[in-house]
Amino acid sequence: MTDKLPATLGVLLAGGLARRMGGGDKPMKTVGGRTILDRVIERIAPQCDGLILNANGDPARFAPFGLPVVADTVEGFAGPLAGILAALDWAAEHRPSIEWVLSTATDCPFLPRDLVARLQQARMAQDAQLATAASGGQTHPVVGLWSVALRNDLRHALVVEDIRKIDRWTARYRLATVEWPTEPLDPFFNANTVEDIAAAEQIAALDDSG
């Protein structure tokens, strides 16, 4: 990560998957002989000043990846915002010098290698409080940059106002949106179904050889 950019902690969001364990954790599915989570880590780790994994349930299933596993800090599987809040709380306690947290889904095997740099640059250029990624004219609210200073505001929104939709909360703040091209591939392609995994295998064959 560039020295000119603020230190950024990365959080890989897998929190909601504990409710769907019958089908297995999506990040543990393999694409091109590697787990999706391994691919996410390989792309995001060099961009961040440390990584944590947000997951509920037994953290031991993620032990091979060697990352701190942080459970939601609010009750009731409140969705991605709860995972983001858990990361902001963890950063405040364990990495108090870090003011920014990057969040990303763990079912996107081809995330951009300039994700943090472009989000931070756009946030600073636009004097924004938050930043989010987009591609193909579609925003990806789970992939974003969050200020640790807003953690108590987020906690109030989750616990008191029962806000669950990311867009509803980010609409309150100055938000920078950064668009990525979708050619030769959409870097935010997410593997949710058997068909998606098959498509990801084809993309990986091209991407890994590139």
N, C-alpha and C. Protein backbone atom coordinates (compact mmCIF):
# COMPACT_ATOMS: atom_id res chain seq x y z
N MET A 1 0.83 -1.19 0.00
CA MET A 1 0.00 0.00 0.00
C MET A 1 0.88 1.25 0.00
N THR A 2 0.44 2.29 -0.75
CA THR A 2 1.21 3.51 -0.89
C THR A 2 1.31 4.26 0.44
N ASP A 3 2.52 4.76 0.74
CA ASP A 3 2.72 5.45 2.00
C ASP A 3 1.86 6.71 2.11
N LYS A 4 1.50 7.31 0.96
CA LYS A 4 0.74 8.55 0.98
C LYS A 4 -0.72 8.32 1.38
N LEU A 5 -1.18 7.09 1.32
CA LEU A 5 -2.56 6.79 1.68
C LEU A 5 -2.67 6.44 3.16
N PRO A 6 -3.80 6.75 3.77
CA PRO A 6 -3.98 6.42 5.19
C PRO A 6 -3.93 4.90 5.42
N ALA A 7 -3.44 4.51 6.59
CA ALA A 7 -3.46 3.10 6.96
C ALA A 7 -4.89 2.58 6.93
N THR A 8 -5.06 1.39 6.39
CA THR A 8 -6.40 0.83 6.22
C THR A 8 -6.41 -0.63 6.67
N LEU A 9 -7.35 -0.96 7.55
CA LEU A 9 -7.56 -2.35 7.98
C LEU A 9 -8.59 -2.99 7.07
N GLY A 10 -8.35 -4.22 6.64
CA GLY A 10 -9.32 -4.92 5.81
C GLY A 10 -10.16 -5.89 6.61
N VAL A 11 -11.47 -5.90 6.35
CA VAL A 11 -12.34 -6.91 6.97
C VAL A 11 -13.03 -7.69 5.86
N LEU A 12 -12.92 -9.00 5.93
CA LEU A 12 -13.54 -9.91 4.97
C LEU A 12 -14.85 -10.40 5.59
N LEU A 13 -15.96 -10.05 4.98
CA LEU A 13 -17.27 -10.29 5.59
C LEU A 13 -17.81 -11.67 5.25
N ALA A 14 -17.85 -12.53 6.25
CA ALA A 14 -18.43 -13.86 6.09
C ALA A 14 -19.47 -14.12 7.18
N GLY A 15 -19.89 -13.06 7.86
CA GLY A 15 -20.74 -13.20 9.04
C GLY A 15 -22.06 -13.89 8.81
N GLY A 16 -22.72 -13.59 7.68
CA GLY A 16 -24.05 -14.15 7.46
C GLY A 16 -24.05 -15.62 7.13
N LEU A 17 -22.90 -16.18 6.82
CA LEU A 17 -22.86 -17.56 6.34
C LEU A 17 -23.16 -18.59 7.40
N ALA A 18 -23.08 -18.21 8.68
CA ALA A 18 -23.33 -19.19 9.74
C ALA A 18 -24.74 -19.74 9.68
N ARG A 19 -25.67 -18.98 9.08
CA ARG A 19 -27.05 -19.44 9.01
C ARG A 19 -27.27 -20.42 7.86
N ARG A 20 -26.29 -20.55 6.98
CA ARG A 20 -26.47 -21.41 5.80
C ARG A 20 -25.40 -22.50 5.78
N MET A 21 -25.04 -22.96 6.95
CA MET A 21 -23.96 -23.94 7.03
C MET A 21 -24.33 -25.26 6.37
N GLY A 22 -25.66 -25.50 6.19
CA GLY A 22 -26.08 -26.72 5.54
C GLY A 22 -25.48 -26.85 4.15
N GLY A 23 -25.29 -25.71 3.48
CA GLY A 23 -24.71 -25.73 2.16
C GLY A 23 -23.22 -25.49 2.17
N GLY A 24 -22.65 -25.29 3.34
CA GLY A 24 -21.22 -25.01 3.44
C GLY A 24 -20.93 -23.54 3.27
N ASP A 25 -19.80 -23.10 3.76
CA ASP A 25 -19.41 -21.70 3.64
C ASP A 25 -19.01 -21.39 2.21
N LYS A 26 -19.60 -20.35 1.65
CA LYS A 26 -19.27 -19.98 0.27
C LYS A 26 -17.78 -19.69 0.07
N PRO A 27 -17.12 -19.01 1.01
CA PRO A 27 -15.70 -18.73 0.78
C PRO A 27 -14.83 -19.97 0.71
N MET A 28 -15.36 -21.11 1.19
CA MET A 28 -14.59 -22.34 1.17
C MET A 28 -14.75 -23.11 -0.14
N LYS A 29 -15.65 -22.65 -1.01
CA LYS A 29 -15.78 -23.27 -2.32
C LYS A 29 -14.49 -23.00 -3.10
N THR A 30 -14.14 -23.93 -3.96
CA THR A 30 -12.89 -23.78 -4.71
C THR A 30 -13.14 -23.29 -6.13
N VAL A 31 -12.25 -22.45 -6.59
CA VAL A 31 -12.24 -21.94 -7.96
C VAL A 31 -10.80 -22.06 -8.46
N GLY A 32 -10.62 -22.79 -9.52
CA GLY A 32 -9.27 -22.96 -10.05
C GLY A 32 -8.33 -23.62 -9.05
N GLY A 33 -8.88 -24.54 -8.25
CA GLY A 33 -8.05 -25.29 -7.31
C GLY A 33 -7.73 -24.57 -6.02
N ARG A 34 -8.27 -23.36 -5.82
CA ARG A 34 -8.03 -22.59 -4.58
C ARG A 34 -9.36 -22.13 -4.02
N THR A 35 -9.46 -22.02 -2.70
CA THR A 35 -10.70 -21.52 -2.13
C THR A 35 -10.89 -20.06 -2.53
N ILE A 36 -12.16 -19.66 -2.59
CA ILE A 36 -12.46 -18.26 -2.90
C ILE A 36 -11.85 -17.36 -1.83
N LEU A 37 -11.92 -17.80 -0.57
CA LEU A 37 -11.35 -16.98 0.51
C LEU A 37 -9.85 -16.79 0.33
N ASP A 38 -9.16 -17.83 -0.10
CA ASP A 38 -7.72 -17.71 -0.35
C ASP A 38 -7.46 -16.67 -1.45
N ARG A 39 -8.30 -16.67 -2.46
CA ARG A 39 -8.15 -15.70 -3.54
C ARG A 39 -8.42 -14.27 -3.05
N VAL A 40 -9.44 -14.13 -2.21
CA VAL A 40 -9.75 -12.80 -1.66
C VAL A 40 -8.58 -12.29 -0.82
N ILE A 41 -8.04 -13.15 0.04
CA ILE A 41 -6.91 -12.77 0.89
C ILE A 41 -5.71 -12.37 0.04
N GLU A 42 -5.44 -13.16 -1.00
CA GLU A 42 -4.28 -12.90 -1.85
C GLU A 42 -4.38 -11.53 -2.52
N ARG A 43 -5.59 -11.10 -2.84
CA ARG A 43 -5.77 -9.82 -3.51
C ARG A 43 -5.83 -8.64 -2.54
N ILE A 44 -6.42 -8.85 -1.38
CA ILE A 44 -6.66 -7.73 -0.47
C ILE A 44 -5.51 -7.51 0.51
N ALA A 45 -4.86 -8.57 0.96
CA ALA A 45 -3.82 -8.43 1.99
C ALA A 45 -2.73 -7.42 1.61
N PRO A 46 -2.20 -7.43 0.38
CA PRO A 46 -1.14 -6.47 0.05
C PRO A 46 -1.60 -5.02 0.07
N GLN A 47 -2.91 -4.79 0.04
CA GLN A 47 -3.44 -3.44 -0.01
C GLN A 47 -3.73 -2.85 1.36
N CYS A 48 -3.69 -3.71 2.37
CA CYS A 48 -4.15 -3.29 3.71
C CYS A 48 -3.06 -3.41 4.77
N ASP A 49 -3.26 -2.74 5.86
CA ASP A 49 -2.36 -2.80 7.01
C ASP A 49 -2.94 -3.79 8.02
N GLY A 50 -3.14 -5.02 7.56
CA GLY A 50 -3.73 -6.06 8.40
C GLY A 50 -5.10 -6.46 7.91
N LEU A 51 -5.46 -7.74 8.13
CA LEU A 51 -6.77 -8.27 7.75
C LEU A 51 -7.42 -8.96 8.94
N ILE A 52 -8.75 -8.84 9.01
CA ILE A 52 -9.53 -9.64 9.95
C ILE A 52 -10.69 -10.26 9.17
N LEU A 53 -11.27 -11.30 9.75
CA LEU A 53 -12.39 -11.98 9.12
C LEU A 53 -13.60 -11.86 10.03
N ASN A 54 -14.69 -11.34 9.52
CA ASN A 54 -15.93 -11.29 10.29
C ASN A 54 -16.74 -12.54 10.01
N ALA A 55 -16.95 -13.36 11.05
CA ALA A 55 -17.72 -14.59 10.89
C ALA A 55 -18.36 -14.95 12.21
N ASN A 56 -19.56 -15.52 12.12
CA ASN A 56 -20.26 -16.02 13.30
C ASN A 56 -20.19 -17.54 13.30
N GLY A 57 -20.55 -18.14 14.42
CA GLY A 57 -20.41 -19.59 14.52
C GLY A 57 -19.00 -19.96 14.97
N ASP A 58 -18.64 -21.20 14.75
CA ASP A 58 -17.34 -21.71 15.21
C ASP A 58 -16.20 -21.10 14.40
N PRO A 59 -15.34 -20.29 15.04
CA PRO A 59 -14.25 -19.66 14.28
C PRO A 59 -13.18 -20.64 13.84
N ALA A 60 -13.17 -21.85 14.43
CA ALA A 60 -12.11 -22.82 14.13
C ALA A 60 -12.10 -23.22 12.66
N ARG A 61 -13.26 -23.11 11.99
CA ARG A 61 -13.30 -23.53 10.59
C ARG A 61 -12.45 -22.63 9.70
N PHE A 62 -12.10 -21.44 10.20
CA PHE A 62 -11.26 -20.53 9.43
C PHE A 62 -9.81 -20.50 9.92
N ALA A 63 -9.49 -21.38 10.86
CA ALA A 63 -8.15 -21.38 11.46
C ALA A 63 -7.02 -21.50 10.44
N PRO A 64 -7.17 -22.30 9.38
CA PRO A 64 -6.06 -22.44 8.43
C PRO A 64 -5.63 -21.13 7.77
N PHE A 65 -6.50 -20.13 7.80
CA PHE A 65 -6.16 -18.88 7.12
C PHE A 65 -5.36 -17.92 7.99
N GLY A 66 -5.29 -18.22 9.29
CA GLY A 66 -4.42 -17.45 10.17
C GLY A 66 -4.84 -16.02 10.42
N LEU A 67 -6.13 -15.72 10.27
CA LEU A 67 -6.61 -14.35 10.50
C LEU A 67 -7.41 -14.28 11.80
N PRO A 68 -7.38 -13.12 12.49
CA PRO A 68 -8.29 -12.94 13.61
C PRO A 68 -9.73 -13.06 13.13
N VAL A 69 -10.54 -13.83 13.83
CA VAL A 69 -11.95 -13.99 13.47
C VAL A 69 -12.79 -13.20 14.47
N VAL A 70 -13.56 -12.27 13.97
CA VAL A 70 -14.32 -11.34 14.80
C VAL A 70 -15.81 -11.55 14.54
N ALA A 71 -16.54 -11.90 15.58
CA ALA A 71 -17.99 -12.10 15.45
C ALA A 71 -18.73 -10.77 15.54
N ASP A 72 -19.98 -10.78 15.08
CA ASP A 72 -20.81 -9.58 15.19
C ASP A 72 -20.88 -9.12 16.65
N THR A 73 -20.94 -7.80 16.83
CA THR A 73 -21.03 -7.23 18.18
C THR A 73 -22.46 -6.82 18.52
N VAL A 74 -23.39 -7.01 17.59
CA VAL A 74 -24.81 -6.81 17.89
C VAL A 74 -25.53 -8.13 17.65
N GLU A 75 -26.63 -8.32 18.34
CA GLU A 75 -27.35 -9.59 18.28
C GLU A 75 -28.19 -9.71 17.01
N GLY A 76 -28.49 -10.94 16.64
CA GLY A 76 -29.54 -11.19 15.67
C GLY A 76 -29.14 -11.26 14.21
N PHE A 77 -27.89 -11.51 13.90
CA PHE A 77 -27.47 -11.64 12.50
C PHE A 77 -28.02 -10.47 11.67
N ALA A 78 -27.54 -9.28 12.01
CA ALA A 78 -28.07 -8.05 11.43
C ALA A 78 -27.52 -7.73 10.05
N GLY A 79 -26.80 -8.66 9.44
CA GLY A 79 -26.34 -8.46 8.08
C GLY A 79 -24.98 -7.79 7.99
N PRO A 80 -24.61 -7.37 6.78
CA PRO A 80 -23.26 -6.82 6.57
C PRO A 80 -22.92 -5.62 7.45
N LEU A 81 -23.90 -4.78 7.73
CA LEU A 81 -23.61 -3.61 8.58
C LEU A 81 -23.11 -4.05 9.96
N ALA A 82 -23.63 -5.16 10.46
CA ALA A 82 -23.17 -5.66 11.76
C ALA A 82 -21.72 -6.12 11.68
N GLY A 83 -21.36 -6.73 10.57
CA GLY A 83 -19.97 -7.14 10.37
C GLY A 83 -19.04 -5.95 10.26
N ILE A 84 -19.50 -4.92 9.58
CA ILE A 84 -18.71 -3.69 9.46
C ILE A 84 -18.54 -3.04 10.82
N LEU A 85 -19.61 -2.99 11.60
CA LEU A 85 -19.51 -2.43 12.95
C LEU A 85 -18.52 -3.24 13.80
N ALA A 86 -18.58 -4.56 13.71
CA ALA A 86 -17.65 -5.41 14.47
C ALA A 86 -16.21 -5.07 14.11
N ALA A 87 -15.97 -4.82 12.83
CA ALA A 87 -14.61 -4.48 12.38
C ALA A 87 -14.19 -3.10 12.90
N LEU A 88 -15.10 -2.14 12.87
CA LEU A 88 -14.78 -0.81 13.39
C LEU A 88 -14.48 -0.88 14.88
N ASP A 89 -15.27 -1.66 15.62
CA ASP A 89 -15.02 -1.83 17.06
C ASP A 89 -13.67 -2.50 17.30
N TRP A 90 -13.36 -3.53 16.49
CA TRP A 90 -12.09 -4.25 16.65
C TRP A 90 -10.92 -3.31 16.37
N ALA A 91 -11.05 -2.50 15.33
CA ALA A 91 -9.98 -1.56 14.98
C ALA A 91 -9.76 -0.56 16.10
N ALA A 92 -10.86 -0.05 16.67
CA ALA A 92 -10.74 0.94 17.74
C ALA A 92 -10.03 0.36 18.96
N GLU A 93 -10.26 -0.94 19.22
CA GLU A 93 -9.66 -1.57 20.40
C GLU A 93 -8.24 -2.06 20.14
N HIS A 94 -8.02 -2.67 18.99
CA HIS A 94 -6.75 -3.35 18.74
C HIS A 94 -5.78 -2.58 17.87
N ARG A 95 -6.29 -1.69 17.01
CA ARG A 95 -5.44 -0.91 16.12
C ARG A 95 -5.87 0.56 16.17
N PRO A 96 -5.76 1.20 17.33
CA PRO A 96 -6.31 2.55 17.51
C PRO A 96 -5.71 3.61 16.60
N SER A 97 -4.56 3.33 16.00
CA SER A 97 -3.96 4.32 15.10
C SER A 97 -4.61 4.28 13.71
N ILE A 98 -5.41 3.25 13.44
CA ILE A 98 -6.05 3.12 12.13
C ILE A 98 -7.42 3.78 12.15
N GLU A 99 -7.67 4.64 11.17
CA GLU A 99 -8.92 5.38 11.09
C GLU A 99 -9.87 4.87 10.01
N TRP A 100 -9.38 3.95 9.16
CA TRP A 100 -10.19 3.50 8.03
C TRP A 100 -10.21 1.98 7.93
N VAL A 101 -11.38 1.47 7.59
CA VAL A 101 -11.57 0.03 7.41
C VAL A 101 -12.16 -0.22 6.02
N LEU A 102 -11.54 -1.12 5.27
CA LEU A 102 -12.09 -1.57 4.00
C LEU A 102 -12.88 -2.85 4.25
N SER A 103 -14.10 -2.90 3.75
CA SER A 103 -14.88 -4.14 3.84
C SER A 103 -15.05 -4.73 2.45
N THR A 104 -15.09 -6.05 2.40
CA THR A 104 -15.40 -6.71 1.14
C THR A 104 -16.09 -8.04 1.40
N ALA A 105 -16.87 -8.47 0.43
CA ALA A 105 -17.49 -9.78 0.50
C ALA A 105 -16.43 -10.86 0.33
N THR A 106 -16.78 -12.06 0.74
CA THR A 106 -15.83 -13.18 0.62
C THR A 106 -16.27 -14.18 -0.45
N ASP A 107 -17.14 -13.73 -1.36
CA ASP A 107 -17.53 -14.59 -2.47
C ASP A 107 -17.15 -13.95 -3.81
N CYS A 108 -16.18 -13.03 -3.76
CA CYS A 108 -15.71 -12.33 -4.97
C CYS A 108 -14.25 -12.70 -5.22
N PRO A 109 -13.98 -13.70 -6.08
CA PRO A 109 -12.61 -14.19 -6.23
C PRO A 109 -11.68 -13.32 -7.06
N PHE A 110 -12.22 -12.27 -7.71
CA PHE A 110 -11.39 -11.50 -8.65
C PHE A 110 -11.33 -10.02 -8.30
N LEU A 111 -11.32 -9.70 -7.03
CA LEU A 111 -11.34 -8.31 -6.57
C LEU A 111 -10.16 -7.50 -7.14
N PRO A 112 -10.37 -6.21 -7.38
CA PRO A 112 -9.30 -5.39 -7.98
C PRO A 112 -8.11 -5.21 -7.03
N ARG A 113 -6.94 -5.19 -7.62
CA ARG A 113 -5.72 -5.03 -6.82
C ARG A 113 -5.45 -3.57 -6.45
N ASP A 114 -6.26 -2.65 -7.01
CA ASP A 114 -6.13 -1.24 -6.66
C ASP A 114 -7.34 -0.74 -5.88
N LEU A 115 -8.03 -1.66 -5.21
CA LEU A 115 -9.28 -1.33 -4.52
C LEU A 115 -9.09 -0.27 -3.45
N VAL A 116 -8.17 -0.50 -2.54
CA VAL A 116 -7.96 0.45 -1.45
C VAL A 116 -7.46 1.79 -1.97
N ALA A 117 -6.49 1.75 -2.87
CA ALA A 117 -5.91 2.99 -3.37
C ALA A 117 -6.96 3.87 -4.04
N ARG A 118 -7.78 3.29 -4.90
CA ARG A 118 -8.76 4.10 -5.62
C ARG A 118 -9.87 4.60 -4.71
N LEU A 119 -10.30 3.79 -3.75
CA LEU A 119 -11.33 4.24 -2.81
C LEU A 119 -10.80 5.38 -1.93
N GLN A 120 -9.58 5.21 -1.43
CA GLN A 120 -9.00 6.26 -0.58
C GLN A 120 -8.78 7.55 -1.38
N GLN A 121 -8.28 7.42 -2.59
CA GLN A 121 -8.03 8.60 -3.41
C GLN A 121 -9.32 9.35 -3.72
N ALA A 122 -10.38 8.61 -4.04
CA ALA A 122 -11.66 9.24 -4.34
C ALA A 122 -12.24 9.90 -3.10
N ARG A 123 -12.14 9.21 -1.96
CA ARG A 123 -12.66 9.79 -0.71
C ARG A 123 -11.97 11.11 -0.40
N MET A 124 -10.65 11.13 -0.54
CA MET A 124 -9.90 12.36 -0.23
C MET A 124 -10.19 13.45 -1.24
N ALA A 125 -10.25 13.10 -2.52
CA ALA A 125 -10.49 14.10 -3.57
C ALA A 125 -11.86 14.74 -3.43
N GLN A 126 -12.84 13.96 -2.98
CA GLN A 126 -14.21 14.46 -2.88
C GLN A 126 -14.59 14.89 -1.46
N ASP A 127 -13.61 14.86 -0.56
CA ASP A 127 -13.87 15.17 0.85
C ASP A 127 -15.07 14.38 1.37
N ALA A 128 -15.09 13.08 1.04
CA ALA A 128 -16.20 12.21 1.43
C ALA A 128 -15.92 11.56 2.78
N GLN A 129 -16.98 11.09 3.41
CA GLN A 129 -16.85 10.40 4.70
C GLN A 129 -16.78 8.89 4.53
N LEU A 130 -17.26 8.41 3.38
CA LEU A 130 -17.30 6.99 3.07
C LEU A 130 -17.02 6.83 1.58
N ALA A 131 -16.68 5.62 1.16
CA ALA A 131 -16.49 5.35 -0.26
C ALA A 131 -16.99 3.95 -0.57
N THR A 132 -17.51 3.77 -1.78
CA THR A 132 -18.01 2.47 -2.18
C THR A 132 -17.60 2.16 -3.61
N ALA A 133 -17.58 0.89 -3.94
CA ALA A 133 -17.18 0.44 -5.28
C ALA A 133 -18.40 0.24 -6.16
N ALA A 134 -18.17 0.35 -7.47
CA ALA A 134 -19.22 0.10 -8.44
C ALA A 134 -18.60 -0.48 -9.71
N SER A 135 -19.43 -1.18 -10.49
CA SER A 135 -19.00 -1.69 -11.80
C SER A 135 -20.24 -1.93 -12.63
N GLY A 136 -20.12 -1.71 -13.93
CA GLY A 136 -21.25 -1.94 -14.81
C GLY A 136 -22.48 -1.14 -14.43
N GLY A 137 -22.27 0.04 -13.85
CA GLY A 137 -23.39 0.88 -13.46
C GLY A 137 -24.09 0.44 -12.19
N GLN A 138 -23.55 -0.56 -11.50
CA GLN A 138 -24.16 -1.09 -10.27
C GLN A 138 -23.22 -0.88 -9.11
N THR A 139 -23.74 -0.33 -8.01
CA THR A 139 -22.90 -0.16 -6.82
C THR A 139 -22.82 -1.48 -6.06
N HIS A 140 -21.74 -1.63 -5.31
CA HIS A 140 -21.51 -2.82 -4.49
C HIS A 140 -21.34 -2.35 -3.05
N PRO A 141 -22.45 -2.11 -2.33
CA PRO A 141 -22.39 -1.48 -1.02
C PRO A 141 -21.52 -2.20 0.00
N VAL A 142 -21.39 -3.53 -0.13
CA VAL A 142 -20.59 -4.30 0.83
C VAL A 142 -19.10 -4.02 0.65
N VAL A 143 -18.72 -3.57 -0.54
CA VAL A 143 -17.31 -3.27 -0.81
C VAL A 143 -17.11 -1.77 -0.63
N GLY A 144 -16.56 -1.40 0.51
CA GLY A 144 -16.46 0.02 0.79
C GLY A 144 -15.43 0.37 1.83
N LEU A 145 -15.28 1.66 2.01
CA LEU A 145 -14.33 2.24 2.95
C LEU A 145 -15.11 2.95 4.04
N TRP A 146 -14.77 2.62 5.29
CA TRP A 146 -15.56 3.09 6.44
C TRP A 146 -14.68 3.80 7.45
N SER A 147 -15.20 4.87 8.02
CA SER A 147 -14.47 5.62 9.04
C SER A 147 -14.73 5.03 10.42
N VAL A 148 -13.67 4.73 11.13
CA VAL A 148 -13.81 4.21 12.50
C VAL A 148 -14.54 5.23 13.37
N ALA A 149 -14.41 6.51 13.06
CA ALA A 149 -15.04 7.56 13.84
C ALA A 149 -16.56 7.50 13.79
N LEU A 150 -17.12 6.78 12.80
CA LEU A 150 -18.58 6.69 12.67
C LEU A 150 -19.16 5.46 13.35
N ARG A 151 -18.34 4.73 14.11
CA ARG A 151 -18.82 3.44 14.63
C ARG A 151 -19.98 3.59 15.60
N ASN A 152 -19.98 4.63 16.42
CA ASN A 152 -21.10 4.79 17.36
C ASN A 152 -22.37 5.22 16.64
N ASP A 153 -22.22 6.00 15.57
CA ASP A 153 -23.38 6.34 14.74
C ASP A 153 -23.96 5.08 14.11
N LEU A 154 -23.09 4.21 13.64
CA LEU A 154 -23.54 2.96 13.02
C LEU A 154 -24.21 2.07 14.06
N ARG A 155 -23.64 2.00 15.26
CA ARG A 155 -24.25 1.18 16.31
C ARG A 155 -25.67 1.67 16.63
N HIS A 156 -25.84 2.99 16.69
CA HIS A 156 -27.16 3.56 16.97
C HIS A 156 -28.13 3.19 15.85
N ALA A 157 -27.66 3.29 14.61
CA ALA A 157 -28.53 2.96 13.47
C ALA A 157 -28.96 1.50 13.51
N LEU A 158 -28.05 0.61 13.88
CA LEU A 158 -28.36 -0.82 13.93
C LEU A 158 -29.24 -1.19 15.12
N VAL A 159 -28.86 -0.72 16.28
CA VAL A 159 -29.50 -1.17 17.52
C VAL A 159 -30.79 -0.41 17.81
N VAL A 160 -30.76 0.90 17.63
CA VAL A 160 -31.91 1.73 17.99
C VAL A 160 -32.88 1.89 16.81
N GLU A 161 -32.33 2.15 15.62
CA GLU A 161 -33.19 2.42 14.47
C GLU A 161 -33.51 1.17 13.65
N ASP A 162 -32.83 0.06 13.96
CA ASP A 162 -33.05 -1.21 13.26
C ASP A 162 -32.80 -1.09 11.76
N ILE A 163 -31.81 -0.31 11.39
CA ILE A 163 -31.43 -0.17 9.98
C ILE A 163 -30.57 -1.37 9.59
N ARG A 164 -30.92 -2.01 8.47
CA ARG A 164 -30.18 -3.17 8.00
C ARG A 164 -29.59 -2.94 6.61
N LYS A 165 -30.19 -2.07 5.83
CA LYS A 165 -29.76 -1.85 4.45
C LYS A 165 -28.60 -0.86 4.41
N ILE A 166 -27.50 -1.28 3.81
CA ILE A 166 -26.30 -0.45 3.78
C ILE A 166 -26.58 0.90 3.13
N ASP A 167 -27.28 0.88 1.98
CA ASP A 167 -27.55 2.12 1.26
C ASP A 167 -28.33 3.13 2.10
N ARG A 168 -29.21 2.62 2.92
CA ARG A 168 -30.02 3.52 3.76
C ARG A 168 -29.15 4.28 4.75
N TRP A 169 -28.12 3.60 5.25
CA TRP A 169 -27.24 4.26 6.22
C TRP A 169 -26.23 5.17 5.52
N THR A 170 -25.63 4.70 4.45
CA THR A 170 -24.61 5.52 3.79
C THR A 170 -25.19 6.77 3.16
N ALA A 171 -26.51 6.77 2.89
CA ALA A 171 -27.15 7.95 2.30
C ALA A 171 -27.08 9.17 3.21
N ARG A 172 -26.77 8.95 4.47
CA ARG A 172 -26.68 10.05 5.44
C ARG A 172 -25.36 10.80 5.35
N TYR A 173 -24.42 10.26 4.60
CA TYR A 173 -23.05 10.79 4.62
C TYR A 173 -22.58 11.14 3.21
N ARG A 174 -21.51 11.89 3.15
CA ARG A 174 -20.89 12.18 1.86
C ARG A 174 -20.20 10.91 1.38
N LEU A 175 -20.68 10.39 0.26
CA LEU A 175 -20.23 9.08 -0.22
C LEU A 175 -19.57 9.22 -1.58
N ALA A 176 -18.34 8.75 -1.68
CA ALA A 176 -17.65 8.70 -2.97
C ALA A 176 -17.89 7.33 -3.60
N THR A 177 -18.26 7.31 -4.87
CA THR A 177 -18.49 6.05 -5.59
C THR A 177 -17.44 5.92 -6.69
N VAL A 178 -16.74 4.80 -6.71
CA VAL A 178 -15.66 4.58 -7.66
C VAL A 178 -16.06 3.44 -8.60
N GLU A 179 -16.03 3.72 -9.90
CA GLU A 179 -16.44 2.74 -10.91
C GLU A 179 -15.23 1.99 -11.45
N TRP A 180 -15.36 0.66 -11.53
CA TRP A 180 -14.33 -0.18 -12.17
C TRP A 180 -14.88 -0.71 -13.49
N PRO A 181 -14.01 -0.90 -14.49
CA PRO A 181 -14.46 -1.48 -15.76
C PRO A 181 -14.83 -2.95 -15.58
N THR A 182 -15.69 -3.42 -16.46
CA THR A 182 -16.13 -4.83 -16.39
C THR A 182 -15.47 -5.69 -17.47
N GLU A 183 -14.55 -5.09 -18.21
CA GLU A 183 -13.78 -5.85 -19.21
C GLU A 183 -12.30 -5.79 -18.84
N PRO A 184 -11.58 -6.86 -18.96
CA PRO A 184 -12.00 -8.16 -19.50
C PRO A 184 -12.87 -8.97 -18.55
N LEU A 185 -12.97 -8.56 -17.29
CA LEU A 185 -13.87 -9.24 -16.36
C LEU A 185 -14.35 -8.24 -15.31
N ASP A 186 -15.52 -8.54 -14.74
CA ASP A 186 -16.04 -7.71 -13.65
C ASP A 186 -15.32 -8.13 -12.37
N PRO A 187 -14.52 -7.23 -11.76
CA PRO A 187 -13.76 -7.62 -10.58
C PRO A 187 -14.64 -7.93 -9.37
N PHE A 188 -15.93 -7.56 -9.46
CA PHE A 188 -16.84 -7.82 -8.33
C PHE A 188 -17.80 -8.96 -8.63
N PHE A 189 -17.45 -9.77 -9.62
CA PHE A 189 -18.21 -11.01 -9.89
C PHE A 189 -18.29 -11.82 -8.60
N ASN A 190 -19.50 -12.21 -8.22
CA ASN A 190 -19.62 -13.01 -6.99
C ASN A 190 -20.19 -14.40 -7.30
N ALA A 191 -19.61 -15.36 -6.63
CA ALA A 191 -19.95 -16.77 -6.88
C ALA A 191 -20.97 -17.24 -5.85
N ASN A 192 -22.25 -17.23 -6.25
CA ASN A 192 -23.32 -17.60 -5.32
C ASN A 192 -23.95 -18.95 -5.63
N THR A 193 -23.87 -19.37 -6.88
CA THR A 193 -24.56 -20.59 -7.29
C THR A 193 -23.57 -21.55 -7.96
N VAL A 194 -24.06 -22.75 -8.21
CA VAL A 194 -23.24 -23.74 -8.92
C VAL A 194 -22.84 -23.20 -10.29
N GLU A 195 -23.79 -22.50 -10.94
CA GLU A 195 -23.51 -21.92 -12.25
C GLU A 195 -22.44 -20.84 -12.15
N ASP A 196 -22.51 -20.03 -11.07
CA ASP A 196 -21.50 -18.99 -10.86
C ASP A 196 -20.11 -19.60 -10.68
N ILE A 197 -20.05 -20.69 -9.92
CA ILE A 197 -18.76 -21.35 -9.69
C ILE A 197 -18.19 -21.84 -11.02
N ALA A 198 -19.05 -22.40 -11.86
CA ALA A 198 -18.60 -22.87 -13.17
C ALA A 198 -18.07 -21.71 -14.00
N ALA A 199 -18.79 -20.58 -13.97
CA ALA A 199 -18.34 -19.39 -14.71
C ALA A 199 -17.02 -18.88 -14.13
N ALA A 200 -16.91 -18.92 -12.79
CA ALA A 200 -15.68 -18.45 -12.14
C ALA A 200 -14.49 -19.32 -12.53
N GLU A 201 -14.71 -20.60 -12.72
CA GLU A 201 -13.63 -21.49 -13.15
C GLU A 201 -13.08 -21.03 -14.50
N GLN A 202 -13.97 -20.64 -15.40
CA GLN A 202 -13.53 -20.19 -16.72
C GLN A 202 -12.78 -18.86 -16.62
N ILE A 203 -13.32 -17.95 -15.79
CA ILE A 203 -12.66 -16.65 -15.60
C ILE A 203 -11.28 -16.85 -14.99
N ALA A 204 -11.21 -17.74 -13.99
CA ALA A 204 -9.95 -17.98 -13.29
C ALA A 204 -8.88 -18.50 -14.24
N ALA A 205 -9.29 -19.35 -15.18
CA ALA A 205 -8.33 -19.91 -16.13
C ALA A 205 -7.68 -18.81 -16.94
N LEU A 206 -8.46 -17.77 -17.27
CA LEU A 206 -7.90 -16.63 -18.01
C LEU A 206 -7.14 -15.69 -17.08
N ASP A 207 -7.73 -15.42 -15.92
CA ASP A 207 -7.15 -14.46 -14.99
C ASP A 207 -5.83 -14.96 -14.41
N ASP A 208 -5.76 -16.24 -14.06
CA ASP A 208 -4.56 -16.79 -13.44
C ASP A 208 -3.39 -16.86 -14.44
N SER A 209 -3.74 -16.94 -15.72
CA SER A 209 -2.69 -17.03 -16.72
C SER A 209 -2.25 -15.66 -17.22
N GLY A 210 -3.02 -14.62 -16.79
CA GLY A 210 -2.73 -13.28 -17.27
C GLY A 210 -1.65 -12.58 -16.47
